[in-house]
Amino acid sequence: QVQLVESGGGLVQPGGSLRLSCAASGSIRDFNSVGWFRQAPGKQREFIAQVANNDNTNYADSAKGRFTISTDKSKNIMYLQMNSLKPEDTAVYFCSAVTRLLARLWGQGTQVTVSS
């Protein structure tokens, strides 16, 4: 089974930027879509952004204008560029993929903390 491994989380000041990466052990061209979710303490996991196999993108309202999802299909990596970060963006961020059989795969998560 394909594995997803996130990296790039950390501590950043409000207004700062981070780029998260998610490396897939297989070809991301084989997925219907790939995306990012996050889960803050005491809250449910929420959708952030996704990109479909046809390169169409979709964003949560909280991410529009600040976050950008992209993929490098030659390296089987997906990215989430996050700008203008706010304390409320603090969460564990998960990458995810939907397979051709409509199974959802998850990475292990990476912590993002926005604090001064």
N, C-alpha and C. Protein backbone atom coordinates (compact mmCIF):
# COMPACT_ATOMS: atom_id res chain seq x y z
N GLN A 1 0.84 -1.19 0.00
CA GLN A 1 0.00 0.00 0.00
C GLN A 1 0.88 1.25 0.00
N VAL A 2 0.44 2.25 -0.72
CA VAL A 2 1.19 3.49 -0.80
C VAL A 2 1.18 4.19 0.56
N GLN A 3 2.32 4.72 0.94
CA GLN A 3 2.42 5.47 2.19
C GLN A 3 2.64 6.94 1.89
N LEU A 4 2.13 7.77 2.79
CA LEU A 4 2.27 9.22 2.68
C LEU A 4 3.04 9.72 3.89
N VAL A 5 4.04 10.55 3.66
CA VAL A 5 4.88 11.05 4.76
C VAL A 5 4.98 12.56 4.66
N GLU A 6 4.46 13.25 5.70
CA GLU A 6 4.50 14.70 5.72
C GLU A 6 5.80 15.20 6.33
N SER A 7 6.16 16.43 5.97
CA SER A 7 7.28 17.13 6.60
C SER A 7 7.06 18.63 6.42
N GLY A 8 7.83 19.40 7.18
CA GLY A 8 7.80 20.85 7.00
C GLY A 8 7.05 21.62 8.07
N GLY A 9 6.46 20.92 9.02
CA GLY A 9 5.77 21.63 10.10
C GLY A 9 6.77 22.27 11.05
N GLY A 10 6.23 23.07 11.96
CA GLY A 10 7.09 23.72 12.93
C GLY A 10 6.40 24.89 13.58
N LEU A 11 7.21 25.71 14.23
CA LEU A 11 6.72 26.90 14.92
C LEU A 11 6.98 28.12 14.05
N VAL A 12 5.96 28.93 13.88
CA VAL A 12 6.09 30.14 13.05
C VAL A 12 5.31 31.26 13.72
N GLN A 13 5.78 32.48 13.54
CA GLN A 13 5.09 33.63 14.11
C GLN A 13 3.87 34.00 13.28
N PRO A 14 2.90 34.63 13.90
CA PRO A 14 1.75 35.10 13.12
C PRO A 14 2.19 35.98 11.96
N GLY A 15 1.56 35.76 10.82
CA GLY A 15 1.94 36.47 9.60
C GLY A 15 3.01 35.78 8.79
N GLY A 16 3.61 34.75 9.37
CA GLY A 16 4.68 34.04 8.68
C GLY A 16 4.16 33.00 7.70
N SER A 17 5.11 32.27 7.12
CA SER A 17 4.80 31.27 6.09
C SER A 17 5.47 29.95 6.41
N LEU A 18 4.86 28.89 5.94
CA LEU A 18 5.43 27.55 6.00
C LEU A 18 5.03 26.82 4.73
N ARG A 19 5.88 25.89 4.31
CA ARG A 19 5.50 25.00 3.22
C ARG A 19 5.58 23.57 3.72
N LEU A 20 4.45 22.91 3.68
CA LEU A 20 4.39 21.50 4.03
C LEU A 20 4.59 20.65 2.79
N SER A 21 5.25 19.52 2.99
CA SER A 21 5.46 18.57 1.90
C SER A 21 4.88 17.22 2.30
N CYS A 22 4.47 16.47 1.31
CA CYS A 22 3.96 15.12 1.55
C CYS A 22 4.49 14.24 0.43
N ALA A 23 5.35 13.31 0.79
CA ALA A 23 5.93 12.41 -0.18
C ALA A 23 5.16 11.09 -0.21
N ALA A 24 4.79 10.68 -1.40
CA ALA A 24 4.09 9.40 -1.58
C ALA A 24 5.08 8.34 -2.01
N SER A 25 4.89 7.12 -1.49
CA SER A 25 5.81 6.03 -1.84
C SER A 25 5.52 5.47 -3.22
N GLY A 26 4.36 5.85 -3.79
CA GLY A 26 4.01 5.43 -5.14
C GLY A 26 3.68 6.64 -5.99
N SER A 27 3.18 6.40 -7.17
CA SER A 27 2.87 7.49 -8.09
C SER A 27 1.56 8.18 -7.70
N ILE A 28 1.65 9.52 -7.55
CA ILE A 28 0.42 10.26 -7.21
C ILE A 28 -0.50 10.37 -8.43
N ARG A 29 0.02 10.03 -9.60
CA ARG A 29 -0.84 10.01 -10.80
C ARG A 29 -1.91 8.93 -10.68
N ASP A 30 -1.68 7.96 -9.79
CA ASP A 30 -2.62 6.86 -9.63
C ASP A 30 -3.80 7.21 -8.71
N PHE A 31 -3.73 8.39 -8.08
CA PHE A 31 -4.80 8.78 -7.17
C PHE A 31 -5.87 9.59 -7.89
N ASN A 32 -7.08 9.50 -7.42
CA ASN A 32 -8.15 10.37 -7.92
C ASN A 32 -7.91 11.82 -7.50
N SER A 33 -7.44 11.97 -6.28
CA SER A 33 -7.16 13.31 -5.76
C SER A 33 -6.21 13.20 -4.58
N VAL A 34 -5.54 14.28 -4.30
CA VAL A 34 -4.69 14.39 -3.11
C VAL A 34 -5.06 15.69 -2.41
N GLY A 35 -4.84 15.74 -1.11
CA GLY A 35 -5.25 16.94 -0.39
C GLY A 35 -4.66 17.05 0.99
N TRP A 36 -5.07 18.10 1.68
CA TRP A 36 -4.61 18.38 3.04
C TRP A 36 -5.80 18.62 3.96
N PHE A 37 -5.66 18.12 5.17
CA PHE A 37 -6.63 18.32 6.24
C PHE A 37 -5.85 18.78 7.47
N ARG A 38 -6.56 19.26 8.46
CA ARG A 38 -5.92 19.60 9.72
C ARG A 38 -6.84 19.30 10.88
N GLN A 39 -6.24 19.12 12.04
CA GLN A 39 -7.02 18.85 13.26
C GLN A 39 -6.40 19.60 14.41
N ALA A 40 -7.16 20.52 14.94
CA ALA A 40 -6.74 21.28 16.12
C ALA A 40 -7.16 20.53 17.38
N PRO A 41 -6.51 20.79 18.50
CA PRO A 41 -6.87 20.10 19.74
C PRO A 41 -8.34 20.27 20.09
N GLY A 42 -9.01 19.16 20.36
CA GLY A 42 -10.41 19.21 20.75
C GLY A 42 -11.38 19.45 19.61
N LYS A 43 -10.87 19.47 18.38
CA LYS A 43 -11.74 19.72 17.23
C LYS A 43 -11.68 18.57 16.25
N GLN A 44 -12.67 18.51 15.38
CA GLN A 44 -12.69 17.48 14.36
C GLN A 44 -11.70 17.83 13.25
N ARG A 45 -11.26 16.80 12.56
CA ARG A 45 -10.40 17.01 11.40
C ARG A 45 -11.19 17.75 10.32
N GLU A 46 -10.55 18.77 9.73
CA GLU A 46 -11.25 19.56 8.73
C GLU A 46 -10.47 19.63 7.42
N PHE A 47 -11.21 19.74 6.35
CA PHE A 47 -10.66 19.83 5.00
C PHE A 47 -10.00 21.20 4.81
N ILE A 48 -8.85 21.18 4.13
CA ILE A 48 -8.16 22.43 3.81
C ILE A 48 -8.13 22.67 2.31
N ALA A 49 -7.62 21.71 1.56
CA ALA A 49 -7.45 21.89 0.13
C ALA A 49 -7.26 20.54 -0.54
N GLN A 50 -7.62 20.48 -1.82
CA GLN A 50 -7.36 19.27 -2.58
C GLN A 50 -7.09 19.62 -4.03
N VAL A 51 -6.40 18.73 -4.71
CA VAL A 51 -6.20 18.85 -6.15
C VAL A 51 -6.54 17.51 -6.77
N ALA A 52 -7.38 17.55 -7.78
CA ALA A 52 -7.80 16.33 -8.46
C ALA A 52 -6.78 15.93 -9.51
N ASN A 53 -6.96 14.74 -10.02
CA ASN A 53 -6.03 14.23 -11.02
C ASN A 53 -6.02 15.07 -12.28
N ASN A 54 -7.11 15.82 -12.52
CA ASN A 54 -7.14 16.70 -13.69
C ASN A 54 -6.61 18.10 -13.35
N ASP A 55 -6.00 18.23 -12.16
CA ASP A 55 -5.37 19.46 -11.68
C ASP A 55 -6.36 20.52 -11.21
N ASN A 56 -7.64 20.22 -11.16
CA ASN A 56 -8.60 21.14 -10.55
C ASN A 56 -8.36 21.20 -9.06
N THR A 57 -8.40 22.40 -8.50
CA THR A 57 -8.17 22.58 -7.07
C THR A 57 -9.44 23.04 -6.37
N ASN A 58 -9.48 22.78 -5.07
CA ASN A 58 -10.62 23.16 -4.25
C ASN A 58 -10.08 23.53 -2.87
N TYR A 59 -10.57 24.62 -2.31
CA TYR A 59 -10.07 25.10 -1.02
C TYR A 59 -11.22 25.35 -0.05
N ALA A 60 -10.93 25.13 1.22
CA ALA A 60 -11.84 25.58 2.26
C ALA A 60 -11.80 27.10 2.32
N ASP A 61 -12.89 27.69 2.80
CA ASP A 61 -12.94 29.15 2.89
C ASP A 61 -11.78 29.69 3.74
N SER A 62 -11.42 28.94 4.77
CA SER A 62 -10.36 29.39 5.68
C SER A 62 -9.00 29.43 5.00
N ALA A 63 -8.87 28.72 3.88
CA ALA A 63 -7.59 28.63 3.19
C ALA A 63 -7.50 29.51 1.95
N LYS A 64 -8.62 29.90 1.43
CA LYS A 64 -8.62 30.68 0.18
C LYS A 64 -7.85 31.98 0.33
N GLY A 65 -6.98 32.23 -0.63
CA GLY A 65 -6.19 33.45 -0.62
C GLY A 65 -4.93 33.40 0.22
N ARG A 66 -4.81 32.38 1.06
CA ARG A 66 -3.62 32.26 1.92
C ARG A 66 -2.83 30.99 1.66
N PHE A 67 -3.52 29.90 1.36
CA PHE A 67 -2.85 28.61 1.17
C PHE A 67 -2.92 28.22 -0.31
N THR A 68 -1.89 27.51 -0.76
CA THR A 68 -1.86 27.01 -2.13
C THR A 68 -1.41 25.56 -2.12
N ILE A 69 -2.21 24.71 -2.74
CA ILE A 69 -1.85 23.30 -2.88
C ILE A 69 -1.24 23.10 -4.26
N SER A 70 -0.24 22.26 -4.31
CA SER A 70 0.40 21.95 -5.59
C SER A 70 1.00 20.55 -5.52
N THR A 71 1.34 20.04 -6.68
CA THR A 71 1.98 18.72 -6.74
C THR A 71 3.16 18.76 -7.69
N ASP A 72 4.12 17.91 -7.44
CA ASP A 72 5.21 17.63 -8.37
C ASP A 72 5.08 16.15 -8.72
N LYS A 73 4.44 15.89 -9.84
CA LYS A 73 4.15 14.50 -10.18
C LYS A 73 5.41 13.72 -10.54
N SER A 74 6.44 14.42 -10.94
CA SER A 74 7.70 13.74 -11.28
C SER A 74 8.39 13.22 -10.02
N LYS A 75 8.11 13.86 -8.87
CA LYS A 75 8.73 13.46 -7.60
C LYS A 75 7.73 12.79 -6.67
N ASN A 76 6.47 12.73 -7.07
CA ASN A 76 5.41 12.15 -6.23
C ASN A 76 5.30 12.87 -4.89
N ILE A 77 5.31 14.17 -4.94
CA ILE A 77 5.22 15.00 -3.75
C ILE A 77 4.08 16.00 -3.92
N MET A 78 3.35 16.24 -2.85
CA MET A 78 2.37 17.31 -2.83
C MET A 78 2.81 18.34 -1.80
N TYR A 79 2.42 19.57 -2.03
CA TYR A 79 2.83 20.67 -1.15
C TYR A 79 1.60 21.45 -0.69
N LEU A 80 1.78 22.10 0.44
CA LEU A 80 0.82 23.09 0.89
C LEU A 80 1.61 24.32 1.33
N GLN A 81 1.56 25.35 0.51
CA GLN A 81 2.19 26.62 0.86
C GLN A 81 1.21 27.42 1.68
N MET A 82 1.63 27.79 2.88
CA MET A 82 0.76 28.52 3.79
C MET A 82 1.36 29.89 4.08
N ASN A 83 0.65 30.93 3.76
CA ASN A 83 1.09 32.30 4.00
C ASN A 83 0.13 33.01 4.96
N SER A 84 0.59 34.11 5.50
CA SER A 84 -0.23 34.92 6.40
C SER A 84 -0.85 34.05 7.50
N LEU A 85 -0.02 33.25 8.11
CA LEU A 85 -0.51 32.31 9.11
C LEU A 85 -1.04 33.02 10.35
N LYS A 86 -2.07 32.43 10.93
CA LYS A 86 -2.75 32.98 12.11
C LYS A 86 -2.67 31.96 13.24
N PRO A 87 -2.80 32.41 14.47
CA PRO A 87 -2.79 31.45 15.59
C PRO A 87 -3.85 30.36 15.43
N GLU A 88 -4.96 30.69 14.83
CA GLU A 88 -6.01 29.69 14.65
C GLU A 88 -5.68 28.65 13.59
N ASP A 89 -4.58 28.82 12.89
CA ASP A 89 -4.10 27.80 11.96
C ASP A 89 -3.33 26.69 12.68
N THR A 90 -3.07 26.89 13.96
CA THR A 90 -2.35 25.88 14.74
C THR A 90 -3.13 24.57 14.76
N ALA A 91 -2.47 23.51 14.33
CA ALA A 91 -3.12 22.20 14.22
C ALA A 91 -2.09 21.17 13.76
N VAL A 92 -2.50 19.92 13.81
CA VAL A 92 -1.75 18.87 13.12
C VAL A 92 -2.29 18.79 11.70
N TYR A 93 -1.39 18.87 10.74
CA TYR A 93 -1.78 18.86 9.33
C TYR A 93 -1.49 17.48 8.75
N PHE A 94 -2.50 16.96 8.03
CA PHE A 94 -2.41 15.63 7.44
C PHE A 94 -2.55 15.74 5.93
N CYS A 95 -1.70 15.03 5.21
CA CYS A 95 -1.95 14.87 3.79
C CYS A 95 -2.79 13.62 3.59
N SER A 96 -3.49 13.59 2.47
CA SER A 96 -4.42 12.50 2.21
C SER A 96 -4.51 12.27 0.72
N ALA A 97 -4.89 11.06 0.37
CA ALA A 97 -5.07 10.73 -1.03
C ALA A 97 -6.26 9.79 -1.18
N VAL A 98 -6.98 9.94 -2.26
CA VAL A 98 -8.10 9.05 -2.58
C VAL A 98 -7.68 8.18 -3.75
N THR A 99 -7.72 6.88 -3.53
CA THR A 99 -7.27 5.95 -4.55
C THR A 99 -8.33 5.76 -5.63
N ARG A 100 -7.96 5.03 -6.68
CA ARG A 100 -8.91 4.72 -7.76
C ARG A 100 -10.09 3.91 -7.25
N LEU A 101 -9.87 3.16 -6.18
CA LEU A 101 -10.95 2.37 -5.57
C LEU A 101 -11.68 3.17 -4.49
N LEU A 102 -11.42 4.46 -4.42
CA LEU A 102 -12.08 5.39 -3.51
C LEU A 102 -11.75 5.15 -2.05
N ALA A 103 -10.61 4.52 -1.79
CA ALA A 103 -10.11 4.41 -0.42
C ALA A 103 -9.32 5.67 -0.09
N ARG A 104 -9.42 6.13 1.15
CA ARG A 104 -8.68 7.34 1.54
C ARG A 104 -7.47 6.92 2.37
N LEU A 105 -6.32 7.40 1.95
CA LEU A 105 -5.08 7.17 2.67
C LEU A 105 -4.70 8.42 3.44
N TRP A 106 -4.00 8.23 4.57
CA TRP A 106 -3.57 9.35 5.40
C TRP A 106 -2.09 9.26 5.71
N GLY A 107 -1.48 10.43 5.84
CA GLY A 107 -0.14 10.49 6.39
C GLY A 107 -0.23 10.51 7.91
N GLN A 108 0.95 10.60 8.54
CA GLN A 108 0.98 10.53 10.00
C GLN A 108 0.74 11.88 10.66
N GLY A 109 0.82 12.93 9.90
CA GLY A 109 0.57 14.28 10.41
C GLY A 109 1.85 15.02 10.77
N THR A 110 1.79 16.34 10.66
CA THR A 110 2.90 17.19 11.06
C THR A 110 2.33 18.40 11.80
N GLN A 111 2.96 18.74 12.91
CA GLN A 111 2.45 19.82 13.77
C GLN A 111 2.83 21.18 13.21
N VAL A 112 1.86 22.06 13.15
CA VAL A 112 2.09 23.47 12.81
C VAL A 112 1.59 24.30 13.98
N THR A 113 2.48 25.11 14.51
CA THR A 113 2.13 26.00 15.63
C THR A 113 2.41 27.43 15.23
N VAL A 114 1.39 28.26 15.32
CA VAL A 114 1.53 29.67 14.98
C VAL A 114 1.40 30.47 16.28
N SER A 115 2.51 31.03 16.69
CA SER A 115 2.54 31.72 17.98
C SER A 115 3.69 32.70 18.02
N SER A 116 3.50 33.77 18.74
CA SER A 116 4.59 34.73 18.94
C SER A 116 5.35 34.42 20.22
